[in-house]
Amino acid sequence: MRTGFHPERGVVTLRVQLETLAGHDLNHLGQIRRLAVQHTARR
């Protein structure tokens, strides 16, 4: 099992780190979609 160190979470497995990053990216994509909808609605 490969591990790394996260400054806020401590020791984490590679799997957990990748899952966290994927979820974080999905969160940003949702933010971008909401902003795009708002921008389009103002035109």
PDB file of N, CA and C in Angstrom:
ATOM      1  N   MET A   1       0.853  -1.176   0.000  1.00  0.00           N
ATOM      2  CA  MET A   1       0.000   0.000   0.000  1.00  0.00           C
ATOM      3  C   MET A   1       0.900   1.241   0.000  1.00  0.00           C
ATOM      4  N   ARG A   2       0.724   2.077  -1.010  1.00  0.00           N
ATOM      5  CA  ARG A   2       1.543   3.290  -1.111  1.00  0.00           C
ATOM      6  C   ARG A   2       0.885   4.407  -0.321  1.00  0.00           C
ATOM      7  N   THR A   3       1.683   5.156   0.379  1.00  0.00           N
ATOM      8  CA  THR A   3       1.173   6.278   1.167  1.00  0.00           C
ATOM      9  C   THR A   3       1.984   7.524   0.869  1.00  0.00           C
ATOM     10  N   GLY A   4       1.399   8.628   1.231  1.00  0.00           N
ATOM     11  CA  GLY A   4       2.062   9.910   1.132  1.00  0.00           C
ATOM     12  C   GLY A   4       1.640  10.750   2.315  1.00  0.00           C
ATOM     13  N   PHE A   5       2.149  11.960   2.370  1.00  0.00           N
ATOM     14  CA  PHE A   5       1.828  12.836   3.488  1.00  0.00           C
ATOM     15  C   PHE A   5       1.108  14.074   2.984  1.00  0.00           C
ATOM     16  N   HIS A   6      -0.055  14.326   3.554  1.00  0.00           N
ATOM     17  CA  HIS A   6      -0.828  15.523   3.248  1.00  0.00           C
ATOM     18  C   HIS A   6      -0.673  16.467   4.436  1.00  0.00           C
ATOM     19  N   PRO A   7      -0.385  17.747   4.206  1.00  0.00           N
ATOM     20  CA  PRO A   7      -0.123  18.665   5.322  1.00  0.00           C
ATOM     21  C   PRO A   7      -1.295  18.831   6.298  1.00  0.00           C
ATOM     22  N   GLU A   8      -2.517  18.640   5.833  1.00  0.00           N
ATOM     23  CA  GLU A   8      -3.673  18.780   6.724  1.00  0.00           C
ATOM     24  C   GLU A   8      -4.221  17.443   7.199  1.00  0.00           C
ATOM     25  N   ARG A   9      -4.058  16.397   6.391  1.00  0.00           N
ATOM     26  CA  ARG A   9      -4.649  15.091   6.711  1.00  0.00           C
ATOM     27  C   ARG A   9      -3.653  14.081   7.250  1.00  0.00           C
ATOM     28  N   GLY A  10      -2.368  14.402   7.166  1.00  0.00           N
ATOM     29  CA  GLY A  10      -1.347  13.463   7.620  1.00  0.00           C
ATOM     30  C   GLY A  10      -1.082  12.394   6.577  1.00  0.00           C
ATOM     31  N   VAL A  11      -0.793  11.188   7.032  1.00  0.00           N
ATOM     32  CA  VAL A  11      -0.483  10.084   6.128  1.00  0.00           C
ATOM     33  C   VAL A  11      -1.773   9.611   5.459  1.00  0.00           C
ATOM     34  N   VAL A  12      -1.750   9.543   4.139  1.00  0.00           N
ATOM     35  CA  VAL A  12      -2.902   9.074   3.370  1.00  0.00           C
ATOM     36  C   VAL A  12      -2.416   8.092   2.319  1.00  0.00           C
ATOM     37  N   THR A  13      -3.302   7.175   1.955  1.00  0.00           N
ATOM     38  CA  THR A  13      -2.960   6.248   0.870  1.00  0.00           C
ATOM     39  C   THR A  13      -3.106   6.970  -0.463  1.00  0.00           C
ATOM     40  N   LEU A  14      -2.460   6.425  -1.456  1.00  0.00           N
ATOM     41  CA  LEU A  14      -2.573   6.991  -2.799  1.00  0.00           C
ATOM     42  C   LEU A  14      -4.029   6.962  -3.249  1.00  0.00           C
ATOM     43  N   ARG A  15      -4.727   5.885  -2.937  1.00  0.00           N
ATOM     44  CA  ARG A  15      -6.134   5.755  -3.322  1.00  0.00           C
ATOM     45  C   ARG A  15      -6.980   6.877  -2.717  1.00  0.00           C
ATOM     46  N   VAL A  16      -6.804   7.118  -1.423  1.00  0.00           N
ATOM     47  CA  VAL A  16      -7.576   8.169  -0.758  1.00  0.00           C
ATOM     48  C   VAL A  16      -7.238   9.531  -1.346  1.00  0.00           C
ATOM     49  N   GLN A  17      -5.972   9.777  -1.622  1.00  0.00           N
ATOM     50  CA  GLN A  17      -5.576  11.060  -2.196  1.00  0.00           C
ATOM     51  C   GLN A  17      -6.204  11.254  -3.576  1.00  0.00           C
ATOM     52  N   LEU A  18      -6.196  10.214  -4.401  1.00  0.00           N
ATOM     53  CA  LEU A  18      -6.797  10.321  -5.734  1.00  0.00           C
ATOM     54  C   LEU A  18      -8.312  10.519  -5.656  1.00  0.00           C
ATOM     55  N   GLU A  19      -8.957   9.818  -4.736  1.00  0.00           N
ATOM     56  CA  GLU A  19     -10.402   9.996  -4.566  1.00  0.00           C
ATOM     57  C   GLU A  19     -10.724  11.413  -4.102  1.00  0.00           C
ATOM     58  N   THR A  20      -9.911  11.935  -3.211  1.00  0.00           N
ATOM     59  CA  THR A  20     -10.120  13.296  -2.711  1.00  0.00           C
ATOM     60  C   THR A  20      -9.950  14.313  -3.837  1.00  0.00           C
ATOM     61  N   LEU A  21      -8.906  14.136  -4.641  1.00  0.00           N
ATOM     62  CA  LEU A  21      -8.678  15.053  -5.765  1.00  0.00           C
ATOM     63  C   LEU A  21      -9.811  14.992  -6.778  1.00  0.00           C
ATOM     64  N   ALA A  22     -10.287  13.789  -7.060  1.00  0.00           N
ATOM     65  CA  ALA A  22     -11.383  13.642  -8.026  1.00  0.00           C
ATOM     66  C   ALA A  22     -12.627  14.356  -7.525  1.00  0.00           C
ATOM     67  N   GLY A  23     -12.949  14.186  -6.255  1.00  0.00           N
ATOM     68  CA  GLY A  23     -14.112  14.865  -5.679  1.00  0.00           C
ATOM     69  C   GLY A  23     -13.940  16.370  -5.694  1.00  0.00           C
ATOM     70  N   HIS A  24     -12.728  16.821  -5.425  1.00  0.00           N
ATOM     71  CA  HIS A  24     -12.433  18.254  -5.426  1.00  0.00           C
ATOM     72  C   HIS A  24     -12.624  18.829  -6.833  1.00  0.00           C
ATOM     73  N   ASP A  25     -12.150  18.107  -7.829  1.00  0.00           N
ATOM     74  CA  ASP A  25     -12.315  18.548  -9.218  1.00  0.00           C
ATOM     75  C   ASP A  25     -13.786  18.617  -9.600  1.00  0.00           C
ATOM     76  N   LEU A  26     -14.566  17.619  -9.178  1.00  0.00           N
ATOM     77  CA  LEU A  26     -16.003  17.629  -9.478  1.00  0.00           C
ATOM     78  C   LEU A  26     -16.678  18.835  -8.840  1.00  0.00           C
ATOM     79  N   ASN A  27     -16.242  19.200  -7.659  1.00  0.00           N
ATOM     80  CA  ASN A  27     -16.781  20.384  -6.994  1.00  0.00           C
ATOM     81  C   ASN A  27     -16.518  21.637  -7.827  1.00  0.00           C
ATOM     82  N   HIS A  28     -15.288  21.769  -8.334  1.00  0.00           N
ATOM     83  CA  HIS A  28     -14.960  22.938  -9.162  1.00  0.00           C
ATOM     84  C   HIS A  28     -15.737  22.940 -10.474  1.00  0.00           C
ATOM     85  N   LEU A  29     -15.924  21.778 -11.071  1.00  0.00           N
ATOM     86  CA  LEU A  29     -16.712  21.713 -12.308  1.00  0.00           C
ATOM     87  C   LEU A  29     -18.145  22.171 -12.063  1.00  0.00           C
ATOM     88  N   GLY A  30     -18.706  21.795 -10.930  1.00  0.00           N
ATOM     89  CA  GLY A  30     -20.052  22.250 -10.575  1.00  0.00           C
ATOM     90  C   GLY A  30     -20.104  23.757 -10.414  1.00  0.00           C
ATOM     91  N   GLN A  31     -19.081  24.325  -9.788  1.00  0.00           N
ATOM     92  CA  GLN A  31     -19.020  25.781  -9.630  1.00  0.00           C
ATOM     93  C   GLN A  31     -18.962  26.470 -10.988  1.00  0.00           C
ATOM     94  N   ILE A  32     -18.150  25.942 -11.884  1.00  0.00           N
ATOM     95  CA  ILE A  32     -18.019  26.531 -13.220  1.00  0.00           C
ATOM     96  C   ILE A  32     -19.341  26.452 -13.973  1.00  0.00           C
ATOM     97  N   ARG A  33     -20.019  25.305 -13.877  1.00  0.00           N
ATOM     98  CA  ARG A  33     -21.320  25.167 -14.557  1.00  0.00           C
ATOM     99  C   ARG A  33     -22.328  26.183 -14.030  1.00  0.00           C
ATOM    100  N   ARG A  34     -22.385  26.346 -12.712  1.00  0.00           N
ATOM    101  CA  ARG A  34     -23.330  27.313 -12.130  1.00  0.00           C
ATOM    102  C   ARG A  34     -23.012  28.742 -12.577  1.00  0.00           C
ATOM    103  N   LEU A  35     -21.742  29.084 -12.622  1.00  0.00           N
ATOM    104  CA  LEU A  35     -21.360  30.418 -13.086  1.00  0.00           C
ATOM    105  C   LEU A  35     -21.706  30.622 -14.557  1.00  0.00           C
ATOM    106  N   ALA A  36     -21.495  29.584 -15.367  1.00  0.00           N
ATOM    107  CA  ALA A  36     -21.821  29.684 -16.799  1.00  0.00           C
ATOM    108  C   ALA A  36     -23.319  29.898 -16.986  1.00  0.00           C
ATOM    109  N   VAL A  37     -24.139  29.196 -16.212  1.00  0.00           N
ATOM    110  CA  VAL A  37     -25.591  29.360 -16.313  1.00  0.00           C
ATOM    111  C   VAL A  37     -25.975  30.779 -15.916  1.00  0.00           C
ATOM    112  N   GLN A  38     -25.405  31.281 -14.833  1.00  0.00           N
ATOM    113  CA  GLN A  38     -25.710  32.642 -14.386  1.00  0.00           C
ATOM    114  C   GLN A  38     -25.305  33.663 -15.457  1.00  0.00           C
ATOM    115  N   HIS A  39     -24.142  33.460 -16.022  1.00  0.00           N
ATOM    116  CA  HIS A  39     -23.649  34.386 -17.041  1.00  0.00           C
ATOM    117  C   HIS A  39     -24.551  34.366 -18.273  1.00  0.00           C
ATOM    118  N   THR A  40     -24.966  33.184 -18.701  1.00  0.00           N
ATOM    119  CA  THR A  40     -25.831  33.045 -19.867  1.00  0.00           C
ATOM    120  C   THR A  40     -27.198  33.670 -19.605  1.00  0.00           C
ATOM    121  N   ALA A  41     -27.700  33.531 -18.393  1.00  0.00           N
ATOM    122  CA  ALA A  41     -29.029  34.073 -18.053  1.00  0.00           C
ATOM    123  C   ALA A  41     -29.036  35.599 -18.048  1.00  0.00           C
ATOM    124  N   ARG A  42     -27.903  36.221 -17.846  1.00  0.00           N
ATOM    125  CA  ARG A  42     -27.822  37.690 -17.800  1.00  0.00           C
ATOM    126  C   ARG A  42     -27.776  38.324 -19.180  1.00  0.00           C
ATOM    127  N   ARG A  43     -27.587  37.527 -20.203  1.00  0.00           N
ATOM    128  CA  ARG A  43     -27.478  38.090 -21.565  1.00  0.00           C
ATOM    129  C   ARG A  43     -28.821  38.366 -22.151  1.00  0.00           C
TER     130      ARG A  43
END
